Amino acid sequence: MHSGSDGRRFAVHDHRPGATPGGSPPEPLALEVRRTADEASGALGARAASGARPLRIEPHACVAAFSDDDAADLFLARLLRGDRPGRSVSVYGVDVRADRAAVQRLVGVVSVGMPLPEVPVRDALMTAGRHKGLSAETASQRTADLTDVLGLRAVEHAAVSGLSPGQRSRVALGCALLHVPKLLLLCQPLDDVDSASEKIICRVLGRYTASTGTAVFSTRSRSTAHRVAGRVFSVHDDEVCFTCPSAPH
């Protein structure tokens, strides 16, 4: 946990049912995606499921999903829907199909295309917090904190529609962080952004993974993936490929 005001901004309580501060049970995987035999055909489907390598992401990791098309974006987008036959997805031990509401509380998302309400930046952040069930007071405080952390103070009253790609990406990340999730799923937060925005986003993700949770982001830039993430995998035709080496440390 970082000390000072940044520690306060990124502090989080454990959302898992039954968890106790300082308890001994190990934290479950932040994200696990594995093949199952459901809706597979007979023994052949069962063998394919049992032989497939699962995607397992540890807590507090920063992981990149790389593809040179929209495959990585679509992969992240489908994870929380739980609609892929033969695939099981769990977030911090909670199965997506079994308890979708609990998973929604655990996850912050930047969707494909970064859809945001075309309102002033501060209103967009406030709306995201209220949508996640935060009180007006809590949403306002976290909006103020994130506005500073993400370098948005100068544009907080500007319309989202007039922002640069880098500023828009920072606003989208802020909206995903408002309810202090344990897992971030981010579609291209670093692609086509200016260098100042990239630096800010990387700093925020670094502090977030150090103190609060886990980040998985998609990118079409192999160099960005290896420069920012501690682990990289690629996606082809909605399937994970473990052929990308980890980023150097």
Protein backbone atom coordinates (compact mmCIF):
# COMPACT_ATOMS: atom_id res chain seq x y z
CA MET A 1 0.00 0.00 0.00
CA HIS A 2 1.34 3.38 -0.96
CA SER A 3 1.46 5.90 1.84
CA GLY A 4 -0.19 9.30 1.91
CA SER A 5 -3.12 10.49 -0.18
CA ASP A 6 -2.54 7.96 -2.94
CA GLY A 7 -2.93 5.16 -0.41
CA ARG A 8 -6.30 6.57 0.61
CA ARG A 9 -7.43 6.84 -3.00
CA PHE A 10 -6.60 3.26 -3.79
CA ALA A 11 -7.48 1.63 -0.47
CA VAL A 12 -10.06 -1.14 -0.71
CA HIS A 13 -11.97 -3.46 1.57
CA ASP A 14 -12.06 -7.17 0.77
CA HIS A 15 -15.31 -7.80 -1.10
CA ARG A 16 -15.24 -11.59 -0.80
CA PRO A 17 -18.00 -13.12 1.33
CA GLY A 18 -16.62 -14.37 4.62
CA ALA A 19 -13.19 -12.82 4.20
CA THR A 20 -11.59 -11.37 7.31
CA PRO A 21 -8.75 -8.84 7.52
CA GLY A 22 -5.46 -10.61 8.05
CA GLY A 23 -7.09 -14.02 7.70
CA SER A 24 -5.02 -17.03 6.74
CA PRO A 25 -6.98 -18.44 3.78
CA PRO A 26 -5.12 -17.64 0.55
CA GLU A 27 -6.71 -15.22 -1.85
CA PRO A 28 -8.30 -17.06 -4.79
CA LEU A 29 -7.23 -16.48 -8.37
CA ALA A 30 -8.20 -13.06 -9.65
CA LEU A 31 -9.39 -14.59 -12.93
CA GLU A 32 -9.67 -18.17 -14.10
CA VAL A 33 -10.89 -19.17 -17.56
CA ARG A 34 -11.06 -22.87 -18.33
CA ARG A 35 -12.67 -25.28 -20.70
CA THR A 36 -15.52 -27.45 -19.48
CA ALA A 37 -17.30 -30.43 -20.97
CA ASP A 38 -20.74 -28.82 -20.84
CA GLU A 39 -22.40 -28.65 -24.22
CA ALA A 40 -19.47 -30.58 -25.67
CA SER A 41 -20.23 -33.69 -27.63
CA GLY A 42 -19.53 -36.94 -25.78
CA ALA A 43 -16.12 -38.28 -24.87
CA LEU A 44 -14.32 -36.23 -27.54
CA GLY A 45 -15.55 -32.98 -26.00
CA ALA A 46 -14.65 -34.13 -22.50
CA ARG A 47 -11.10 -35.01 -23.60
CA ALA A 48 -10.69 -31.63 -25.29
CA ALA A 49 -11.84 -29.86 -22.13
CA SER A 50 -9.57 -31.84 -19.84
CA GLY A 51 -6.54 -31.28 -22.07
CA ALA A 52 -6.98 -27.53 -22.57
CA ARG A 53 -4.70 -25.27 -20.58
CA PRO A 54 -6.67 -22.83 -18.39
CA LEU A 55 -5.93 -19.13 -18.13
CA ARG A 56 -5.10 -18.39 -14.50
CA ILE A 57 -4.24 -14.88 -13.34
CA GLU A 58 -2.92 -14.27 -9.85
CA PRO A 59 -4.11 -11.37 -7.65
CA HIS A 60 -2.27 -8.06 -8.07
CA ALA A 61 -0.96 -8.93 -11.52
CA CYS A 62 -0.94 -6.63 -14.54
CA VAL A 63 -1.61 -8.74 -17.62
CA ALA A 64 -1.91 -7.85 -21.31
CA ALA A 65 -4.06 -9.65 -23.88
CA PHE A 66 -2.52 -9.06 -27.29
CA SER A 67 -4.01 -9.46 -30.75
CA ASP A 68 -3.45 -7.63 -34.02
CA ASP A 69 -7.21 -7.49 -34.62
CA ASP A 70 -10.24 -7.21 -32.32
CA ALA A 71 -9.90 -10.76 -30.94
CA ALA A 72 -8.47 -9.66 -27.57
CA ASP A 73 -11.17 -7.01 -27.14
CA LEU A 74 -13.94 -9.51 -27.88
CA PHE A 75 -12.37 -12.06 -25.53
CA LEU A 76 -12.45 -9.61 -22.62
CA ALA A 77 -15.94 -8.42 -23.54
CA ARG A 78 -17.36 -11.95 -23.40
CA LEU A 79 -15.79 -12.97 -20.10
CA LEU A 80 -18.48 -11.46 -17.88
CA ARG A 81 -21.38 -12.55 -20.05
CA GLY A 82 -20.74 -16.23 -19.37
CA ASP A 83 -22.37 -17.13 -22.68
CA ARG A 84 -19.53 -19.08 -24.27
CA PRO A 85 -20.44 -22.81 -24.38
CA GLY A 86 -17.74 -25.00 -22.90
CA ARG A 87 -16.05 -22.17 -20.99
CA SER A 88 -16.09 -21.51 -17.25
CA VAL A 89 -15.09 -18.09 -15.91
CA SER A 90 -14.56 -17.20 -12.26
CA VAL A 91 -13.47 -13.93 -10.65
CA TYR A 92 -11.86 -14.19 -7.21
CA GLY A 93 -13.52 -17.57 -6.79
CA VAL A 94 -17.00 -16.42 -7.88
CA ASP A 95 -18.42 -18.18 -10.94
CA VAL A 96 -19.78 -15.73 -13.51
CA ARG A 97 -22.79 -17.88 -14.33
CA ALA A 98 -23.61 -18.66 -10.70
CA ASP A 99 -23.54 -15.13 -9.24
CA ARG A 100 -23.40 -12.46 -11.92
CA ALA A 101 -24.31 -9.66 -9.47
CA ALA A 102 -21.38 -10.48 -7.17
CA VAL A 103 -19.01 -10.57 -10.14
CA GLN A 104 -20.25 -7.18 -11.34
CA ARG A 105 -19.34 -5.72 -7.95
CA LEU A 106 -15.86 -7.19 -8.16
CA VAL A 107 -15.05 -5.95 -11.67
CA GLY A 108 -14.46 -2.58 -13.30
CA VAL A 109 -14.70 -2.46 -17.09
CA VAL A 110 -13.59 -0.26 -19.94
CA SER A 111 -15.62 -1.57 -22.85
CA VAL A 112 -14.73 -1.70 -26.52
CA GLY A 113 -14.83 1.81 -27.95
CA MET A 114 -14.88 3.39 -24.47
CA PRO A 115 -18.57 4.36 -24.48
CA LEU A 116 -19.13 7.30 -22.14
CA PRO A 117 -22.07 9.64 -21.59
CA GLU A 118 -21.57 12.83 -23.59
CA VAL A 119 -21.56 15.06 -20.52
CA PRO A 120 -18.85 16.97 -18.63
CA VAL A 121 -16.05 14.80 -17.27
CA ARG A 122 -17.06 15.24 -13.63
CA ASP A 123 -20.64 14.25 -14.40
CA ALA A 124 -19.46 11.15 -16.28
CA LEU A 125 -17.45 10.03 -13.24
CA MET A 126 -20.28 10.79 -10.83
CA THR A 127 -22.74 8.88 -13.01
CA ALA A 128 -20.47 5.84 -13.05
CA GLY A 129 -20.26 5.86 -9.27
CA ARG A 130 -23.98 6.26 -8.77
CA HIS A 131 -24.66 3.51 -11.30
CA LYS A 132 -22.53 1.19 -9.15
CA GLY A 133 -24.62 2.00 -6.07
CA LEU A 134 -22.36 4.53 -4.37
CA SER A 135 -23.92 7.26 -2.28
CA ALA A 136 -23.76 10.78 -3.69
CA GLU A 137 -21.21 11.74 -1.03
CA THR A 138 -18.95 8.75 -1.70
CA ALA A 139 -19.22 9.16 -5.47
CA SER A 140 -18.33 12.85 -5.15
CA GLN A 141 -15.28 12.15 -2.96
CA ARG A 142 -13.96 9.40 -5.22
CA THR A 143 -14.61 11.55 -8.29
CA ALA A 144 -12.50 14.31 -6.77
CA ASP A 145 -9.71 11.87 -5.87
CA LEU A 146 -9.64 10.24 -9.31
CA THR A 147 -9.82 13.58 -11.09
CA ASP A 148 -6.53 14.48 -9.40
CA VAL A 149 -4.89 11.06 -9.75
CA LEU A 150 -5.73 10.84 -13.47
CA GLY A 151 -4.68 14.41 -14.24
CA LEU A 152 -8.19 15.50 -15.26
CA ARG A 153 -8.60 18.58 -13.09
CA ALA A 154 -8.09 20.97 -16.03
CA VAL A 155 -10.86 19.30 -18.06
CA GLU A 156 -13.29 18.25 -15.32
CA HIS A 157 -15.96 20.63 -16.65
CA ALA A 158 -15.24 19.94 -20.34
CA ALA A 159 -17.56 17.77 -22.39
CA VAL A 160 -16.39 14.21 -22.91
CA SER A 161 -17.05 14.61 -26.64
CA GLY A 162 -14.28 17.23 -26.88
CA LEU A 163 -11.55 15.20 -25.18
CA SER A 164 -8.43 13.84 -26.82
CA PRO A 165 -8.11 10.03 -27.09
CA GLY A 166 -5.73 10.01 -24.12
CA GLN A 167 -8.03 12.11 -21.96
CA ARG A 168 -11.00 9.95 -22.89
CA SER A 169 -9.06 6.84 -21.93
CA ARG A 170 -8.26 8.36 -18.55
CA VAL A 171 -11.91 9.22 -17.95
CA ALA A 172 -12.96 5.69 -18.91
CA LEU A 173 -10.41 4.26 -16.48
CA GLY A 174 -11.70 6.57 -13.77
CA CYS A 175 -15.26 5.37 -14.35
CA ALA A 176 -14.06 1.77 -14.03
CA LEU A 177 -12.28 2.54 -10.75
CA LEU A 178 -15.07 4.50 -9.02
CA HIS A 179 -16.49 1.57 -7.05
CA VAL A 180 -12.99 0.27 -6.17
CA PRO A 181 -13.18 -3.09 -7.96
CA LYS A 182 -10.87 -6.04 -7.37
CA LEU A 183 -10.40 -6.73 -11.10
CA LEU A 184 -10.10 -4.35 -14.04
CA LEU A 185 -10.89 -5.53 -17.58
CA LEU A 186 -9.78 -2.77 -19.94
CA CYS A 187 -10.15 -2.67 -23.73
CA GLN A 188 -7.24 -0.81 -25.32
CA PRO A 189 -6.64 1.80 -22.59
CA LEU A 190 -3.13 2.52 -23.92
CA ASP A 191 -3.62 2.30 -27.69
CA ASP A 192 -3.44 5.59 -29.62
CA VAL A 193 -2.97 7.73 -26.52
CA ASP A 194 -0.44 10.53 -26.06
CA SER A 195 2.72 9.94 -24.05
CA ALA A 196 1.51 11.98 -21.07
CA SER A 197 -1.70 9.96 -20.85
CA GLU A 198 0.21 6.69 -21.18
CA LYS A 199 2.48 7.70 -18.31
CA ILE A 200 -0.48 8.61 -16.08
CA ILE A 201 -2.42 5.43 -16.90
CA CYS A 202 0.61 3.22 -16.30
CA ARG A 203 1.27 4.94 -12.97
CA VAL A 204 -2.34 4.47 -11.87
CA LEU A 205 -2.37 0.80 -12.93
CA GLY A 206 0.90 0.25 -11.07
CA ARG A 207 -0.48 1.72 -7.86
CA TYR A 208 -3.76 -0.13 -8.28
CA THR A 209 -2.14 -3.55 -8.71
CA ALA A 210 0.26 -2.89 -5.84
CA SER A 211 -2.46 -1.96 -3.35
CA THR A 212 -5.88 -3.05 -4.52
CA GLY A 213 -6.45 -5.53 -7.32
CA THR A 214 -5.64 -7.03 -10.69
CA ALA A 215 -5.62 -5.47 -14.16
CA VAL A 216 -6.07 -7.20 -17.52
CA PHE A 217 -5.95 -4.99 -20.61
CA SER A 218 -6.12 -5.61 -24.34
CA THR A 219 -3.82 -4.02 -26.88
CA ARG A 220 -2.88 -4.30 -30.53
CA SER A 221 0.65 -3.18 -29.74
CA ARG A 222 3.06 -5.95 -28.84
CA SER A 223 5.60 -3.41 -27.59
CA THR A 224 3.03 -1.80 -25.27
CA ALA A 225 2.02 -5.21 -23.94
CA HIS A 226 5.58 -6.16 -23.05
CA ARG A 227 6.54 -2.72 -21.77
CA VAL A 228 3.61 -2.34 -19.38
CA ALA A 229 2.48 -5.82 -18.32
CA GLY A 230 4.25 -8.42 -16.24
CA ARG A 231 2.61 -11.17 -18.27
CA VAL A 232 1.34 -11.31 -21.85
CA PHE A 233 -0.88 -13.76 -23.69
CA SER A 234 -2.30 -13.56 -27.20
CA VAL A 235 -5.83 -14.25 -28.43
CA HIS A 236 -6.78 -15.82 -31.75
CA ASP A 237 -10.35 -16.75 -32.71
CA ASP A 238 -11.51 -16.35 -29.09
CA GLU A 239 -8.85 -18.78 -27.87
CA VAL A 240 -5.95 -17.98 -25.55
CA CYS A 241 -2.44 -18.69 -26.81
CA PHE A 242 0.42 -18.80 -24.31
CA THR A 243 3.11 -18.00 -26.81
CA CYS A 244 3.98 -14.44 -25.73
CA PRO A 245 6.86 -14.34 -23.21
CA SER A 246 6.64 -12.26 -20.07
CA ALA A 247 7.86 -8.71 -20.18
CA PRO A 248 11.43 -8.24 -18.97
CA HIS A 249 11.83 -6.84 -15.46
